[in-house]
N, C-alpha and C. Protein backbone atom coordinates (compact mmCIF):
# COMPACT_ATOMS: atom_id res chain seq x y z
N UNK A 1 -15.68 17.04 6.91
CA UNK A 1 -15.26 17.60 5.65
C UNK A 1 -14.62 18.96 5.90
N UNK A 2 -13.52 19.19 5.24
CA UNK A 2 -12.77 20.43 5.37
C UNK A 2 -12.82 21.15 4.03
N UNK A 3 -13.40 22.34 3.99
CA UNK A 3 -13.52 23.09 2.74
C UNK A 3 -12.65 24.33 2.82
N UNK A 4 -11.88 24.56 1.77
CA UNK A 4 -11.01 25.75 1.68
C UNK A 4 -11.21 26.39 0.31
N UNK A 5 -10.87 27.69 0.23
CA UNK A 5 -10.94 28.34 -1.07
C UNK A 5 -9.65 28.09 -1.85
N UNK A 6 -9.64 28.42 -3.12
CA UNK A 6 -8.50 28.12 -3.99
C UNK A 6 -7.23 28.79 -3.48
N UNK A 7 -7.30 30.04 -3.06
CA UNK A 7 -6.11 30.75 -2.58
C UNK A 7 -5.52 30.03 -1.36
N UNK A 8 -6.36 29.64 -0.43
CA UNK A 8 -5.88 28.93 0.76
C UNK A 8 -5.30 27.56 0.38
N UNK A 9 -5.91 26.91 -0.60
CA UNK A 9 -5.42 25.61 -1.05
C UNK A 9 -4.02 25.75 -1.65
N UNK A 10 -3.80 26.79 -2.44
CA UNK A 10 -2.47 27.01 -3.02
C UNK A 10 -1.44 27.29 -1.93
N UNK A 11 -1.85 28.00 -0.91
CA UNK A 11 -0.93 28.37 0.17
C UNK A 11 -0.61 27.18 1.06
N UNK A 12 -1.57 26.30 1.29
CA UNK A 12 -1.41 25.21 2.25
C UNK A 12 -1.58 23.83 1.61
N UNK A 13 -1.13 23.66 0.38
CA UNK A 13 -1.36 22.41 -0.33
C UNK A 13 -0.75 21.21 0.39
N UNK A 14 0.46 21.33 0.88
CA UNK A 14 1.11 20.20 1.57
C UNK A 14 0.30 19.76 2.79
N UNK A 15 -0.18 20.72 3.55
CA UNK A 15 -0.99 20.42 4.74
C UNK A 15 -2.30 19.73 4.33
N UNK A 16 -2.92 20.21 3.27
CA UNK A 16 -4.18 19.63 2.81
C UNK A 16 -3.98 18.19 2.31
N UNK A 17 -2.85 17.95 1.65
CA UNK A 17 -2.55 16.59 1.20
C UNK A 17 -2.38 15.66 2.39
N UNK A 18 -1.69 16.12 3.42
CA UNK A 18 -1.51 15.30 4.62
C UNK A 18 -2.86 15.01 5.28
N UNK A 19 -3.75 15.98 5.29
CA UNK A 19 -5.09 15.76 5.86
C UNK A 19 -5.84 14.70 5.06
N UNK A 20 -5.73 14.77 3.73
CA UNK A 20 -6.41 13.78 2.88
C UNK A 20 -5.81 12.39 3.12
N UNK A 21 -4.49 12.31 3.25
CA UNK A 21 -3.85 11.03 3.52
C UNK A 21 -4.27 10.45 4.87
N UNK A 22 -4.60 11.34 5.80
CA UNK A 22 -5.05 10.90 7.12
C UNK A 22 -6.53 10.49 7.12
N UNK A 23 -7.19 10.62 5.96
CA UNK A 23 -8.58 10.17 5.87
C UNK A 23 -9.62 11.26 5.91
N UNK A 24 -9.20 12.51 6.03
CA UNK A 24 -10.16 13.60 6.10
C UNK A 24 -10.58 14.01 4.68
N UNK A 25 -11.85 14.36 4.51
CA UNK A 25 -12.33 14.86 3.23
C UNK A 25 -11.90 16.31 3.08
N UNK A 26 -11.23 16.62 1.98
CA UNK A 26 -10.78 17.98 1.72
C UNK A 26 -11.41 18.44 0.41
N UNK A 27 -12.17 19.54 0.48
CA UNK A 27 -12.86 20.08 -0.68
C UNK A 27 -12.32 21.48 -0.94
N UNK A 28 -12.05 21.77 -2.22
CA UNK A 28 -11.58 23.09 -2.62
C UNK A 28 -12.75 23.79 -3.31
N UNK A 29 -12.99 25.03 -2.89
CA UNK A 29 -14.14 25.77 -3.39
C UNK A 29 -13.71 27.03 -4.14
N UNK A 30 -14.56 27.45 -5.06
CA UNK A 30 -14.39 28.72 -5.77
C UNK A 30 -15.66 29.51 -5.53
N UNK A 31 -15.52 30.71 -4.99
CA UNK A 31 -16.68 31.54 -4.62
C UNK A 31 -17.62 30.78 -3.69
N UNK A 32 -17.02 30.07 -2.72
CA UNK A 32 -17.75 29.30 -1.71
C UNK A 32 -18.59 28.17 -2.30
N UNK A 33 -18.31 27.75 -3.53
CA UNK A 33 -19.01 26.62 -4.14
C UNK A 33 -17.99 25.50 -4.36
N UNK A 34 -18.22 24.32 -3.80
CA UNK A 34 -17.26 23.21 -3.96
C UNK A 34 -17.06 22.86 -5.42
N UNK A 35 -15.77 22.74 -5.81
CA UNK A 35 -15.47 22.39 -7.20
C UNK A 35 -14.54 21.18 -7.32
N UNK A 36 -13.72 20.95 -6.29
CA UNK A 36 -12.73 19.87 -6.36
C UNK A 36 -12.64 19.18 -5.00
N UNK A 37 -12.45 17.86 -5.04
CA UNK A 37 -12.25 17.11 -3.80
C UNK A 37 -10.91 16.37 -3.91
N UNK A 38 -10.07 16.50 -2.88
CA UNK A 38 -8.80 15.76 -2.84
C UNK A 38 -9.09 14.32 -2.45
N UNK A 39 -8.61 13.39 -3.26
CA UNK A 39 -8.86 11.98 -3.02
C UNK A 39 -7.53 11.24 -3.04
N UNK A 40 -7.32 10.37 -2.07
CA UNK A 40 -6.11 9.56 -2.02
C UNK A 40 -6.26 8.41 -3.00
N UNK A 41 -5.25 8.20 -3.83
CA UNK A 41 -5.29 7.10 -4.79
C UNK A 41 -5.16 5.78 -4.05
N UNK A 42 -5.86 4.74 -4.51
CA UNK A 42 -5.86 3.45 -3.80
C UNK A 42 -4.48 2.85 -3.57
N UNK A 43 -3.59 2.94 -4.56
CA UNK A 43 -2.28 2.33 -4.39
C UNK A 43 -1.38 3.11 -3.44
N UNK A 44 -1.77 4.28 -3.00
CA UNK A 44 -0.98 5.08 -2.09
C UNK A 44 -1.37 4.88 -0.62
N UNK A 45 -2.46 4.18 -0.37
CA UNK A 45 -2.95 4.06 1.00
C UNK A 45 -2.13 3.10 1.85
N UNK A 46 -1.62 2.02 1.26
CA UNK A 46 -0.98 0.99 2.04
C UNK A 46 0.53 1.09 1.96
N UNK A 47 1.16 0.97 3.09
CA UNK A 47 2.61 0.97 3.13
C UNK A 47 3.09 -0.48 3.19
N UNK A 48 4.32 -0.68 2.78
CA UNK A 48 4.88 -2.03 2.80
C UNK A 48 4.94 -2.56 4.23
N UNK A 49 4.73 -3.85 4.35
CA UNK A 49 4.80 -4.48 5.66
C UNK A 49 5.89 -5.53 5.61
N UNK A 50 6.88 -5.37 6.47
CA UNK A 50 8.00 -6.29 6.50
C UNK A 50 7.59 -7.64 7.07
N UNK A 51 8.21 -8.69 6.54
CA UNK A 51 8.01 -10.02 7.08
C UNK A 51 6.86 -10.81 6.49
N UNK A 52 6.23 -10.31 5.43
CA UNK A 52 5.07 -11.02 4.88
C UNK A 52 5.46 -12.27 4.09
N UNK A 53 6.73 -12.41 3.68
CA UNK A 53 7.17 -13.60 2.93
C UNK A 53 7.93 -14.58 3.82
N UNK A 54 7.90 -14.36 5.12
CA UNK A 54 8.63 -15.22 6.04
C UNK A 54 8.12 -16.67 5.91
N UNK A 55 9.08 -17.60 5.71
CA UNK A 55 8.74 -19.00 5.58
C UNK A 55 8.37 -19.42 4.17
N UNK A 56 8.23 -18.46 3.25
CA UNK A 56 7.86 -18.78 1.88
C UNK A 56 9.08 -18.93 0.98
N UNK A 57 10.21 -18.41 1.40
CA UNK A 57 11.43 -18.49 0.61
C UNK A 57 12.38 -19.44 1.32
N UNK A 58 12.79 -20.49 0.61
CA UNK A 58 13.66 -21.50 1.21
C UNK A 58 14.94 -21.57 0.40
N UNK A 59 16.08 -21.59 1.10
CA UNK A 59 17.37 -21.69 0.45
C UNK A 59 18.03 -22.98 0.93
N UNK A 60 18.43 -23.81 -0.01
CA UNK A 60 19.05 -25.08 0.33
C UNK A 60 20.39 -24.85 1.02
N UNK A 61 20.79 -25.81 1.86
CA UNK A 61 22.06 -25.68 2.58
C UNK A 61 23.25 -25.66 1.64
N UNK A 62 23.14 -26.31 0.48
CA UNK A 62 24.27 -26.39 -0.45
C UNK A 62 24.11 -25.41 -1.62
N UNK A 63 23.42 -24.30 -1.43
CA UNK A 63 23.16 -23.38 -2.53
C UNK A 63 24.42 -22.80 -3.14
N UNK A 64 25.50 -22.72 -2.38
CA UNK A 64 26.73 -22.13 -2.91
C UNK A 64 27.77 -23.17 -3.35
N UNK A 65 27.39 -24.43 -3.40
CA UNK A 65 28.29 -25.48 -3.86
C UNK A 65 28.37 -25.44 -5.40
N UNK A 66 29.52 -25.81 -5.96
CA UNK A 66 29.64 -25.80 -7.42
C UNK A 66 28.67 -26.79 -8.06
N UNK A 67 28.18 -26.45 -9.23
CA UNK A 67 27.27 -27.31 -9.98
C UNK A 67 28.07 -28.38 -10.71
N UNK A 68 27.53 -29.59 -10.81
CA UNK A 68 28.21 -30.69 -11.50
C UNK A 68 28.45 -30.35 -12.97
N UNK A 69 27.57 -29.60 -13.59
CA UNK A 69 27.70 -29.24 -15.00
C UNK A 69 28.94 -28.39 -15.27
N UNK A 70 29.45 -27.71 -14.25
CA UNK A 70 30.58 -26.82 -14.45
C UNK A 70 31.92 -27.45 -14.07
N UNK A 71 31.93 -28.71 -13.71
CA UNK A 71 33.16 -29.39 -13.28
C UNK A 71 34.27 -29.29 -14.33
N UNK A 72 33.99 -29.45 -15.62
CA UNK A 72 35.07 -29.35 -16.61
C UNK A 72 35.72 -27.95 -16.67
N UNK A 73 35.03 -26.94 -16.26
CA UNK A 73 35.55 -25.58 -16.36
C UNK A 73 36.32 -25.15 -15.11
N UNK A 74 36.24 -25.94 -14.09
CA UNK A 74 36.87 -25.57 -12.82
C UNK A 74 38.28 -26.13 -12.77
N UNK A 75 39.20 -25.34 -12.25
CA UNK A 75 40.57 -25.79 -12.10
C UNK A 75 40.82 -26.12 -10.65
N UNK A 76 41.66 -27.07 -10.42
CA UNK A 76 41.96 -27.49 -9.05
C UNK A 76 43.13 -26.75 -8.49
């Protein structure tokens, strides 16, 4: 656990946020008494992972062929 006073927290907020994101407990104190704890929000913990939909999306070989329904509107 890392405890800092309010003045130090204001001065080094970016650094303290990075520490919290790295999993360290960061507590902000007033008159050496803990009053606030920085907590990472659950939806901020995970980053996107590429390739998770591989094999789930299939595109037909004729996907760009004209549709039969539009034949009357097409000119030759």
